[in-house]
Amino acid sequence: MGDNLKQKLAKLIELADEVNNTPDEPIRSKQYCGELKSKAKKLSALLRQAAQASSELYMQRPMWSILEQTEHILNETLSLILKCHPNNFKKWIFTIISVDAFRKTSSQLEKSINDVSWLLHISRSDENHDSENLILPSIAFNEPILTLIWELIASLCTGTQEDRSDAAACLVSLAHQTDSYGKMIIQEGGVGPLLKLMKEGNTEGQKNAARAIGLLKVINSVIILVTSASILCELGS
């Protein structure tokens, strides 16, 4: 998975750079193209940070969803900018590019910038995952609980002992509220980090992790037992 991640990030960086390196003198919509290129440059810088910290990235569904969405947006941006380039003017002379198209693409780039920033933020052990200024990723904008679960699992993976203990306690609270939250914790990969905390955490962390696992077993014992056996084998090897 590590090699796949590096290849994906390298491809995205190349795409962002290709957008940013298009000539500065398009025949049409120079101002709008410049805005898109500026955002692509910012996105490229964030993607380079992600590449440097690829071993620390929270490698679950949100990461891959964000990267796939970012690739789609960068391809759309490049296509739009090339339609304005002098070398393509004759080819696209009958194409009318509306201002709304530029605004929509600009908005999508902004979302990708926010999403990659969020991914970097929650994946770093030296960051405060509970920052009030943290913007929800667009892939879960309508599901804040899902975003919270991602952030808590990330804290379990990269946080300090205290952070990990607190994250486990929060997962206990969520699992208490409704079975659906417990199922989400399982589906998003929370079992492995909780089992690891049970083995490596401080006393409070181990207790919180054990309580969380206990609640999740009630929700779906089959999934938990299979996942637990797999994780414990890895931890013991």
C-alpha atoms as a PDB file:
ATOM      1  CA  MET A   1       0.000   0.000   0.000  1.00  0.00           C
ATOM      2  CA  GLY A   2       2.928   2.333   0.710  1.00  0.00           C
ATOM      3  CA  ASP A   3       4.217   2.107  -2.862  1.00  0.00           C
ATOM      4  CA  ASN A   4       0.724   2.659  -4.257  1.00  0.00           C
ATOM      5  CA  LEU A   5       0.379   5.763  -2.116  1.00  0.00           C
ATOM      6  CA  LYS A   6       3.715   7.176  -3.272  1.00  0.00           C
ATOM      7  CA  GLN A   7       2.802   6.547  -6.906  1.00  0.00           C
ATOM      8  CA  LYS A   8      -0.583   8.204  -6.466  1.00  0.00           C
ATOM      9  CA  LEU A   9       0.921  11.275  -4.798  1.00  0.00           C
ATOM     10  CA  ALA A  10       3.620  11.526  -7.485  1.00  0.00           C
ATOM     11  CA  LYS A  11       0.928  11.457 -10.172  1.00  0.00           C
ATOM     12  CA  LEU A  12      -1.092  14.162  -8.429  1.00  0.00           C
ATOM     13  CA  ILE A  13       1.962  16.386  -7.968  1.00  0.00           C
ATOM     14  CA  GLU A  14       2.761  16.010 -11.670  1.00  0.00           C
ATOM     15  CA  LEU A  15      -0.814  16.956 -12.577  1.00  0.00           C
ATOM     16  CA  ALA A  16      -0.832  19.993 -10.286  1.00  0.00           C
ATOM     17  CA  ASP A  17       2.505  21.138 -11.689  1.00  0.00           C
ATOM     18  CA  GLU A  18       1.234  20.681 -15.225  1.00  0.00           C
ATOM     19  CA  VAL A  19      -1.674  22.996 -14.447  1.00  0.00           C
ATOM     20  CA  ASN A  20       0.603  25.552 -12.817  1.00  0.00           C
ATOM     21  CA  ASN A  21       3.173  25.440 -15.636  1.00  0.00           C
ATOM     22  CA  THR A  22       0.806  26.227 -18.472  1.00  0.00           C
ATOM     23  CA  PRO A  23       1.774  29.480 -20.260  1.00  0.00           C
ATOM     24  CA  ASP A  24       0.656  32.715 -18.641  1.00  0.00           C
ATOM     25  CA  GLU A  25      -0.813  34.223 -21.790  1.00  0.00           C
ATOM     26  CA  PRO A  26      -4.029  32.429 -22.668  1.00  0.00           C
ATOM     27  CA  ILE A  27      -6.105  34.173 -25.322  1.00  0.00           C
ATOM     28  CA  ARG A  28      -9.228  33.984 -23.211  1.00  0.00           C
ATOM     29  CA  SER A  29     -10.022  34.281 -19.523  1.00  0.00           C
ATOM     30  CA  LYS A  30      -6.504  35.131 -18.369  1.00  0.00           C
ATOM     31  CA  GLN A  31      -7.715  36.279 -14.966  1.00  0.00           C
ATOM     32  CA  TYR A  32      -9.699  33.111 -14.282  1.00  0.00           C
ATOM     33  CA  CYS A  33      -6.910  30.841 -15.518  1.00  0.00           C
ATOM     34  CA  GLY A  34      -4.467  32.651 -13.251  1.00  0.00           C
ATOM     35  CA  GLU A  35      -6.711  32.008 -10.261  1.00  0.00           C
ATOM     36  CA  LEU A  36      -6.893  28.296 -11.070  1.00  0.00           C
ATOM     37  CA  LYS A  37      -3.128  28.083 -11.499  1.00  0.00           C
ATOM     38  CA  SER A  38      -2.557  29.817  -8.174  1.00  0.00           C
ATOM     39  CA  LYS A  39      -4.737  27.283  -6.378  1.00  0.00           C
ATOM     40  CA  ALA A  40      -3.090  24.396  -8.220  1.00  0.00           C
ATOM     41  CA  LYS A  41       0.281  25.684  -7.007  1.00  0.00           C
ATOM     42  CA  LYS A  42      -0.960  25.707  -3.414  1.00  0.00           C
ATOM     43  CA  LEU A  43      -2.363  22.204  -3.836  1.00  0.00           C
ATOM     44  CA  SER A  44       0.945  21.020  -5.285  1.00  0.00           C
ATOM     45  CA  ALA A  45       2.786  22.267  -2.192  1.00  0.00           C
ATOM     46  CA  LEU A  46       0.366  20.393   0.092  1.00  0.00           C
ATOM     47  CA  LEU A  47       0.715  17.215  -1.963  1.00  0.00           C
ATOM     48  CA  ARG A  48       4.494  17.457  -1.639  1.00  0.00           C
ATOM     49  CA  GLN A  49       4.096  17.665   2.128  1.00  0.00           C
ATOM     50  CA  ALA A  50       1.920  14.574   1.967  1.00  0.00           C
ATOM     51  CA  ALA A  51       4.547  12.747  -0.094  1.00  0.00           C
ATOM     52  CA  GLN A  52       7.232  13.590   2.462  1.00  0.00           C
ATOM     53  CA  ALA A  53       5.031  12.305   5.275  1.00  0.00           C
ATOM     54  CA  SER A  54       3.473   9.386   3.376  1.00  0.00           C
ATOM     55  CA  SER A  55       4.434   6.880   6.059  1.00  0.00           C
ATOM     56  CA  GLU A  56       2.454   8.906   8.632  1.00  0.00           C
ATOM     57  CA  LEU A  57      -0.710   9.490   6.639  1.00  0.00           C
ATOM     58  CA  TYR A  58      -3.899   8.090   8.061  1.00  0.00           C
ATOM     59  CA  MET A  59      -4.289   5.241   5.576  1.00  0.00           C
ATOM     60  CA  GLN A  60      -7.977   4.523   5.573  1.00  0.00           C
ATOM     61  CA  ARG A  61     -10.889   5.287   3.290  1.00  0.00           C
ATOM     62  CA  PRO A  62     -10.834   9.081   3.708  1.00  0.00           C
ATOM     63  CA  MET A  63      -7.286   9.334   2.393  1.00  0.00           C
ATOM     64  CA  TRP A  64      -7.950   7.388  -0.794  1.00  0.00           C
ATOM     65  CA  SER A  65     -11.277   9.135  -1.374  1.00  0.00           C
ATOM     66  CA  ILE A  66      -9.580  12.521  -1.056  1.00  0.00           C
ATOM     67  CA  LEU A  67      -6.749  11.569  -3.416  1.00  0.00           C
ATOM     68  CA  GLU A  68      -9.094  10.120  -6.049  1.00  0.00           C
ATOM     69  CA  GLN A  69     -11.288  13.216  -5.894  1.00  0.00           C
ATOM     70  CA  THR A  70      -8.231  15.469  -6.127  1.00  0.00           C
ATOM     71  CA  GLU A  71      -7.027  13.658  -9.242  1.00  0.00           C
ATOM     72  CA  HIS A  72     -10.419  14.128 -10.896  1.00  0.00           C
ATOM     73  CA  ILE A  73     -10.466  17.846 -10.054  1.00  0.00           C
ATOM     74  CA  LEU A  74      -6.924  18.429 -11.327  1.00  0.00           C
ATOM     75  CA  ASN A  75      -7.728  16.699 -14.625  1.00  0.00           C
ATOM     76  CA  GLU A  76     -10.815  18.900 -15.017  1.00  0.00           C
ATOM     77  CA  THR A  77      -8.772  22.004 -14.213  1.00  0.00           C
ATOM     78  CA  LEU A  78      -6.088  21.160 -16.748  1.00  0.00           C
ATOM     79  CA  SER A  79      -8.684  20.495 -19.418  1.00  0.00           C
ATOM     80  CA  LEU A  80     -10.382  23.837 -18.763  1.00  0.00           C
ATOM     81  CA  ILE A  81      -7.144  25.824 -18.844  1.00  0.00           C
ATOM     82  CA  LEU A  82      -5.968  24.164 -22.061  1.00  0.00           C
ATOM     83  CA  LYS A  83      -9.160  25.269 -23.775  1.00  0.00           C
ATOM     84  CA  CYS A  84      -7.995  28.852 -23.238  1.00  0.00           C
ATOM     85  CA  HIS A  85      -4.438  28.316 -24.466  1.00  0.00           C
ATOM     86  CA  PRO A  86      -3.380  29.874 -27.816  1.00  0.00           C
ATOM     87  CA  ASN A  87      -2.209  26.526 -29.203  1.00  0.00           C
ATOM     88  CA  ASN A  88      -5.692  25.146 -28.737  1.00  0.00           C
ATOM     89  CA  PHE A  89      -7.652  28.231 -29.709  1.00  0.00           C
ATOM     90  CA  LYS A  90      -8.518  27.070 -33.228  1.00  0.00           C
ATOM     91  CA  LYS A  91      -9.583  23.684 -31.946  1.00  0.00           C
ATOM     92  CA  TRP A  92     -11.825  25.195 -29.293  1.00  0.00           C
ATOM     93  CA  ILE A  93     -12.927  28.320 -31.176  1.00  0.00           C
ATOM     94  CA  PHE A  94     -16.580  27.286 -31.119  1.00  0.00           C
ATOM     95  CA  THR A  95     -16.465  26.334 -27.435  1.00  0.00           C
ATOM     96  CA  ILE A  96     -18.013  28.845 -25.082  1.00  0.00           C
ATOM     97  CA  ILE A  97     -16.536  28.660 -21.597  1.00  0.00           C
ATOM     98  CA  SER A  98     -18.824  30.257 -19.086  1.00  0.00           C
ATOM     99  CA  VAL A  99     -17.707  32.157 -16.022  1.00  0.00           C
ATOM    100  CA  ASP A 100     -19.647  29.610 -13.974  1.00  0.00           C
ATOM    101  CA  ALA A 101     -17.370  26.851 -15.254  1.00  0.00           C
ATOM    102  CA  PHE A 102     -14.315  28.681 -13.913  1.00  0.00           C
ATOM    103  CA  ARG A 103     -16.026  29.437 -10.621  1.00  0.00           C
ATOM    104  CA  LYS A 104     -17.087  25.817 -10.178  1.00  0.00           C
ATOM    105  CA  THR A 105     -13.574  24.534 -10.915  1.00  0.00           C
ATOM    106  CA  SER A 106     -12.059  27.124  -8.580  1.00  0.00           C
ATOM    107  CA  SER A 107     -14.445  26.013  -5.832  1.00  0.00           C
ATOM    108  CA  GLN A 108     -13.539  22.370  -6.409  1.00  0.00           C
ATOM    109  CA  LEU A 109      -9.829  23.162  -6.161  1.00  0.00           C
ATOM    110  CA  GLU A 110     -10.475  24.989  -2.904  1.00  0.00           C
ATOM    111  CA  LYS A 111     -12.219  21.900  -1.567  1.00  0.00           C
ATOM    112  CA  SER A 112      -9.234  19.738  -2.508  1.00  0.00           C
ATOM    113  CA  ILE A 113      -6.896  22.174  -0.763  1.00  0.00           C
ATOM    114  CA  ASN A 114      -9.026  21.959   2.375  1.00  0.00           C
ATOM    115  CA  ASP A 115      -9.294  18.172   2.158  1.00  0.00           C
ATOM    116  CA  VAL A 116      -5.549  17.588   1.775  1.00  0.00           C
ATOM    117  CA  SER A 117      -4.888  20.100   4.565  1.00  0.00           C
ATOM    118  CA  TRP A 118      -7.297  18.161   6.791  1.00  0.00           C
ATOM    119  CA  LEU A 119      -5.609  14.872   5.925  1.00  0.00           C
ATOM    120  CA  LEU A 120      -2.172  16.270   6.778  1.00  0.00           C
ATOM    121  CA  HIS A 121      -3.503  17.784   9.987  1.00  0.00           C
ATOM    122  CA  ILE A 122      -5.048  14.648  11.458  1.00  0.00           C
ATOM    123  CA  SER A 123      -2.127  12.454  10.362  1.00  0.00           C
ATOM    124  CA  ARG A 124       0.563  14.324  12.267  1.00  0.00           C
ATOM    125  CA  SER A 125       1.377  13.226  15.787  1.00  0.00           C
ATOM    126  CA  ASP A 126       2.495  16.756  16.742  1.00  0.00           C
ATOM    127  CA  GLU A 127      -0.835  18.344  15.766  1.00  0.00           C
ATOM    128  CA  ASN A 128      -3.871  19.039  17.922  1.00  0.00           C
ATOM    129  CA  HIS A 129      -6.600  17.011  16.234  1.00  0.00           C
ATOM    130  CA  ASP A 130      -9.292  18.988  18.022  1.00  0.00           C
ATOM    131  CA  SER A 131      -8.404  22.329  16.457  1.00  0.00           C
ATOM    132  CA  GLU A 132     -11.474  24.557  16.230  1.00  0.00           C
ATOM    133  CA  ASN A 133     -10.251  25.880  12.891  1.00  0.00           C
ATOM    134  CA  LEU A 134     -10.199  22.446  11.266  1.00  0.00           C
ATOM    135  CA  ILE A 135     -12.483  22.369   8.210  1.00  0.00           C
ATOM    136  CA  LEU A 136     -14.539  19.231   7.615  1.00  0.00           C
ATOM    137  CA  PRO A 137     -13.446  17.279   4.520  1.00  0.00           C
ATOM    138  CA  SER A 138     -15.862  17.650   1.621  1.00  0.00           C
ATOM    139  CA  ILE A 139     -16.196  13.857   1.284  1.00  0.00           C
ATOM    140  CA  ALA A 140     -18.060  13.783   4.600  1.00  0.00           C
ATOM    141  CA  PHE A 141     -19.465  17.295   4.789  1.00  0.00           C
ATOM    142  CA  ASN A 142     -22.972  15.996   5.423  1.00  0.00           C
ATOM    143  CA  GLU A 143     -21.777  13.393   7.949  1.00  0.00           C
ATOM    144  CA  PRO A 144     -19.878  15.183  10.724  1.00  0.00           C
ATOM    145  CA  ILE A 145     -19.994  12.064  12.917  1.00  0.00           C
ATOM    146  CA  LEU A 146     -18.076  10.138  10.259  1.00  0.00           C
ATOM    147  CA  THR A 147     -15.448  12.869  10.195  1.00  0.00           C
ATOM    148  CA  LEU A 148     -15.225  12.747  13.984  1.00  0.00           C
ATOM    149  CA  ILE A 149     -14.704   8.978  13.881  1.00  0.00           C
ATOM    150  CA  TRP A 150     -11.931   9.392  11.292  1.00  0.00           C
ATOM    151  CA  GLU A 151     -10.224  11.994  13.471  1.00  0.00           C
ATOM    152  CA  LEU A 152     -10.493   9.837  16.594  1.00  0.00           C
ATOM    153  CA  ILE A 153      -9.050   6.798  14.817  1.00  0.00           C
ATOM    154  CA  ALA A 154      -6.246   8.971  13.433  1.00  0.00           C
ATOM    155  CA  SER A 155      -5.519  10.137  16.981  1.00  0.00           C
ATOM    156  CA  LEU A 156      -5.397   6.482  18.063  1.00  0.00           C
ATOM    157  CA  CYS A 157      -2.794   5.890  15.353  1.00  0.00           C
ATOM    158  CA  THR A 158      -0.573   8.952  15.731  1.00  0.00           C
ATOM    159  CA  GLY A 159      -1.372  10.682  19.031  1.00  0.00           C
ATOM    160  CA  THR A 160       0.420  10.722  22.369  1.00  0.00           C
ATOM    161  CA  GLN A 161      -0.553   8.215  25.038  1.00  0.00           C
ATOM    162  CA  GLU A 162      -2.954  10.768  26.505  1.00  0.00           C
ATOM    163  CA  ASP A 163      -4.423  11.572  23.089  1.00  0.00           C
ATOM    164  CA  ARG A 164      -4.929   7.877  22.347  1.00  0.00           C
ATOM    165  CA  SER A 165      -6.610   7.296  25.700  1.00  0.00           C
ATOM    166  CA  ASP A 166      -8.934  10.269  25.171  1.00  0.00           C
ATOM    167  CA  ALA A 167      -9.759   9.093  21.632  1.00  0.00           C
ATOM    168  CA  ALA A 168     -10.658   5.624  22.916  1.00  0.00           C
ATOM    169  CA  ALA A 169     -12.896   7.181  25.575  1.00  0.00           C
ATOM    170  CA  CYS A 170     -14.678   9.233  22.898  1.00  0.00           C
ATOM    171  CA  LEU A 171     -15.201   6.106  20.790  1.00  0.00           C
ATOM    172  CA  VAL A 172     -16.700   4.422  23.858  1.00  0.00           C
ATOM    173  CA  SER A 173     -19.118   7.325  24.176  1.00  0.00           C
ATOM    174  CA  LEU A 174     -20.085   7.124  20.496  1.00  0.00           C
ATOM    175  CA  ALA A 175     -20.561   3.362  20.587  1.00  0.00           C
ATOM    176  CA  HIS A 176     -22.810   3.812  23.631  1.00  0.00           C
ATOM    177  CA  GLN A 177     -25.090   6.211  21.754  1.00  0.00           C
ATOM    178  CA  THR A 178     -26.169   3.990  18.876  1.00  0.00           C
ATOM    179  CA  ASP A 179     -25.256   0.739  17.138  1.00  0.00           C
ATOM    180  CA  SER A 180     -24.815   2.599  13.855  1.00  0.00           C
ATOM    181  CA  TYR A 181     -21.890   4.590  15.272  1.00  0.00           C
ATOM    182  CA  GLY A 182     -20.314   1.365  16.497  1.00  0.00           C
ATOM    183  CA  LYS A 183     -20.630  -0.168  13.052  1.00  0.00           C
ATOM    184  CA  MET A 184     -19.018   2.930  11.551  1.00  0.00           C
ATOM    185  CA  ILE A 185     -16.074   2.592  13.957  1.00  0.00           C
ATOM    186  CA  ILE A 186     -15.598  -1.009  12.799  1.00  0.00           C
ATOM    187  CA  GLN A 187     -15.998  -0.193   9.098  1.00  0.00           C
ATOM    188  CA  GLU A 188     -13.539   2.703   9.246  1.00  0.00           C
ATOM    189  CA  GLY A 189     -10.752   0.610  10.777  1.00  0.00           C
ATOM    190  CA  GLY A 190     -11.012   1.457  14.455  1.00  0.00           C
ATOM    191  CA  VAL A 191     -10.567  -2.089  15.764  1.00  0.00           C
ATOM    192  CA  GLY A 192      -6.850  -2.474  15.001  1.00  0.00           C
ATOM    193  CA  PRO A 193      -5.724   0.757  16.728  1.00  0.00           C
ATOM    194  CA  LEU A 194      -7.894  -0.057  19.755  1.00  0.00           C
ATOM    195  CA  LEU A 195      -6.327  -3.503  20.082  1.00  0.00           C
ATOM    196  CA  LYS A 196      -2.880  -1.969  19.781  1.00  0.00           C
ATOM    197  CA  LEU A 197      -3.756   0.504  22.550  1.00  0.00           C
ATOM    198  CA  MET A 198      -4.894  -2.385  24.742  1.00  0.00           C
ATOM    199  CA  LYS A 199      -1.393  -3.842  24.358  1.00  0.00           C
ATOM    200  CA  GLU A 200       0.785  -0.722  24.382  1.00  0.00           C
ATOM    201  CA  GLY A 201      -1.191   2.078  26.056  1.00  0.00           C
ATOM    202  CA  ASN A 202      -1.013   3.497  29.548  1.00  0.00           C
ATOM    203  CA  THR A 203      -3.355   2.128  32.211  1.00  0.00           C
ATOM    204  CA  GLU A 204      -6.192   4.522  31.418  1.00  0.00           C
ATOM    205  CA  GLY A 205      -5.765   3.994  27.686  1.00  0.00           C
ATOM    206  CA  GLN A 206      -5.896   0.236  28.042  1.00  0.00           C
ATOM    207  CA  LYS A 207      -9.087   0.490  30.081  1.00  0.00           C
ATOM    208  CA  ASN A 208     -10.758   2.788  27.560  1.00  0.00           C
ATOM    209  CA  ALA A 209      -9.698   0.605  24.643  1.00  0.00           C
ATOM    210  CA  ALA A 210     -10.999  -2.506  26.389  1.00  0.00           C
ATOM    211  CA  ARG A 211     -14.353  -0.807  27.038  1.00  0.00           C
ATOM    212  CA  ALA A 212     -14.602   0.219  23.395  1.00  0.00           C
ATOM    213  CA  ILE A 213     -13.773  -3.275  22.155  1.00  0.00           C
ATOM    214  CA  GLY A 214     -16.300  -4.695  24.594  1.00  0.00           C
ATOM    215  CA  LEU A 215     -19.044  -2.496  23.197  1.00  0.00           C
ATOM    216  CA  LEU A 216     -18.125  -3.240  19.603  1.00  0.00           C
ATOM    217  CA  LYS A 217     -18.181  -6.985  20.249  1.00  0.00           C
ATOM    218  CA  VAL A 218     -21.822  -6.672  21.284  1.00  0.00           C
ATOM    219  CA  ILE A 219     -22.546  -4.915  17.994  1.00  0.00           C
ATOM    220  CA  ASN A 220     -20.771  -7.344  15.665  1.00  0.00           C
ATOM    221  CA  SER A 221     -18.876 -10.146  17.372  1.00  0.00           C
ATOM    222  CA  VAL A 222     -18.030 -11.992  14.160  1.00  0.00           C
ATOM    223  CA  ILE A 223     -16.278  -9.036  12.521  1.00  0.00           C
ATOM    224  CA  ILE A 224     -14.498  -8.147  15.745  1.00  0.00           C
ATOM    225  CA  LEU A 225     -13.239 -11.671  16.385  1.00  0.00           C
ATOM    226  CA  VAL A 226     -11.906 -12.102  12.851  1.00  0.00           C
ATOM    227  CA  THR A 227     -10.284  -8.663  12.838  1.00  0.00           C
ATOM    228  CA  SER A 228      -8.906  -9.142  16.342  1.00  0.00           C
ATOM    229  CA  ALA A 229      -7.287 -12.450  15.449  1.00  0.00           C
ATOM    230  CA  SER A 230      -5.647 -10.901  12.392  1.00  0.00           C
ATOM    231  CA  ILE A 231      -4.337  -7.872  14.287  1.00  0.00           C
ATOM    232  CA  LEU A 232      -3.072  -9.903  17.221  1.00  0.00           C
ATOM    233  CA  CYS A 233      -1.129 -12.158  14.849  1.00  0.00           C
ATOM    234  CA  GLU A 234       0.519  -9.077  13.353  1.00  0.00           C
ATOM    235  CA  LEU A 235       1.329  -7.641  16.774  1.00  0.00           C
ATOM    236  CA  GLY A 236       2.830 -10.901  17.904  1.00  0.00           C
ATOM    237  CA  SER A 237       5.013 -11.390  14.838  1.00  0.00           C
END
